[in-house]
Protein backbone atom coordinates (compact mmCIF):
# COMPACT_ATOMS: atom_id res chain seq x y z
CA UNK A 1 0.00 0.00 0.00
CA UNK A 2 1.07 3.57 -0.49
CA UNK A 3 1.28 6.07 2.29
CA UNK A 4 -0.98 9.11 2.26
CA UNK A 5 0.64 12.48 1.76
CA UNK A 6 0.08 14.92 4.60
CA UNK A 7 0.21 18.69 4.86
CA UNK A 8 2.68 18.54 7.76
CA UNK A 9 5.63 19.69 5.63
CA UNK A 10 3.77 22.29 3.64
CA UNK A 11 3.41 25.93 4.48
CA UNK A 12 0.90 28.64 3.87
CA UNK A 13 0.32 30.73 0.77
CA UNK A 14 -0.91 34.33 0.77
CA UNK A 15 -3.30 35.33 -2.01
CA UNK A 16 -4.56 38.75 -3.03
CA UNK A 17 -7.68 39.47 -5.10
CA UNK A 18 -6.51 42.19 -7.51
CA UNK A 19 -9.16 42.45 -10.23
CA UNK A 20 -12.95 42.47 -10.18
CA UNK A 21 -14.85 39.42 -11.39
CA UNK A 22 -17.83 41.40 -12.71
CA UNK A 23 -17.36 40.53 -16.40
CA UNK A 24 -15.81 37.14 -15.74
CA UNK A 25 -17.52 33.84 -16.50
CA UNK A 26 -19.60 32.30 -13.72
CA UNK A 27 -17.02 29.54 -13.14
CA UNK A 28 -14.33 32.14 -12.45
CA UNK A 29 -16.60 33.90 -9.96
CA UNK A 30 -17.20 30.58 -8.19
CA UNK A 31 -13.46 29.90 -7.97
CA UNK A 32 -12.85 33.31 -6.37
CA UNK A 33 -15.68 32.69 -3.91
CA UNK A 34 -14.38 29.18 -3.23
CA UNK A 35 -10.99 30.58 -2.31
CA UNK A 36 -12.73 32.63 0.37
CA UNK A 37 -12.49 36.17 -0.97
CA UNK A 38 -15.15 38.69 0.01
CA UNK A 39 -13.61 42.04 -0.99
CA UNK A 40 -11.34 43.37 -3.70
CA UNK A 41 -7.68 43.87 -2.63
CA UNK A 42 -8.21 41.42 0.22
CA UNK A 43 -5.24 39.28 1.26
CA UNK A 44 -6.01 35.82 2.61
CA UNK A 45 -3.86 32.93 3.76
CA UNK A 46 -4.54 29.37 2.63
CA UNK A 47 -2.63 26.09 2.95
CA UNK A 48 -0.18 25.51 0.12
CA UNK A 49 -1.84 22.48 -1.47
CA UNK A 50 -2.28 21.29 -5.03
CA UNK A 51 -6.00 22.08 -4.88
CA UNK A 52 -5.43 25.72 -3.92
CA UNK A 53 -2.67 26.09 -6.50
CA UNK A 54 -5.02 24.67 -9.14
CA UNK A 55 -7.75 27.15 -8.22
CA UNK A 56 -5.29 30.03 -8.48
CA UNK A 57 -4.11 28.71 -11.86
CA UNK A 58 -7.69 28.94 -13.17
CA UNK A 59 -7.95 32.67 -12.42
CA UNK A 60 -4.43 34.14 -12.69
CA UNK A 61 -5.84 37.36 -14.13
CA UNK A 62 -7.94 37.94 -10.96
CA UNK A 63 -5.72 36.64 -8.14
CA UNK A 64 -2.02 36.97 -7.41
CA UNK A 65 0.31 35.24 -4.98
CA UNK A 66 1.81 37.64 -2.42
CA UNK A 67 5.40 36.94 -1.42
């Protein structure tokens, strides 16, 4: 059997919502909402997982990674 991968070694990632989703497709709006954003220019912190990275990759024109 294979061992499950855990988040123990992974850190956090800070995301910033930089562009409005008004004229974006509905799927893009749902991704932004799913990430947990409520306001424009909001910075949030999420676990650095493949799922979160994939969501950010779907809307790179709306969200940026803060270093």
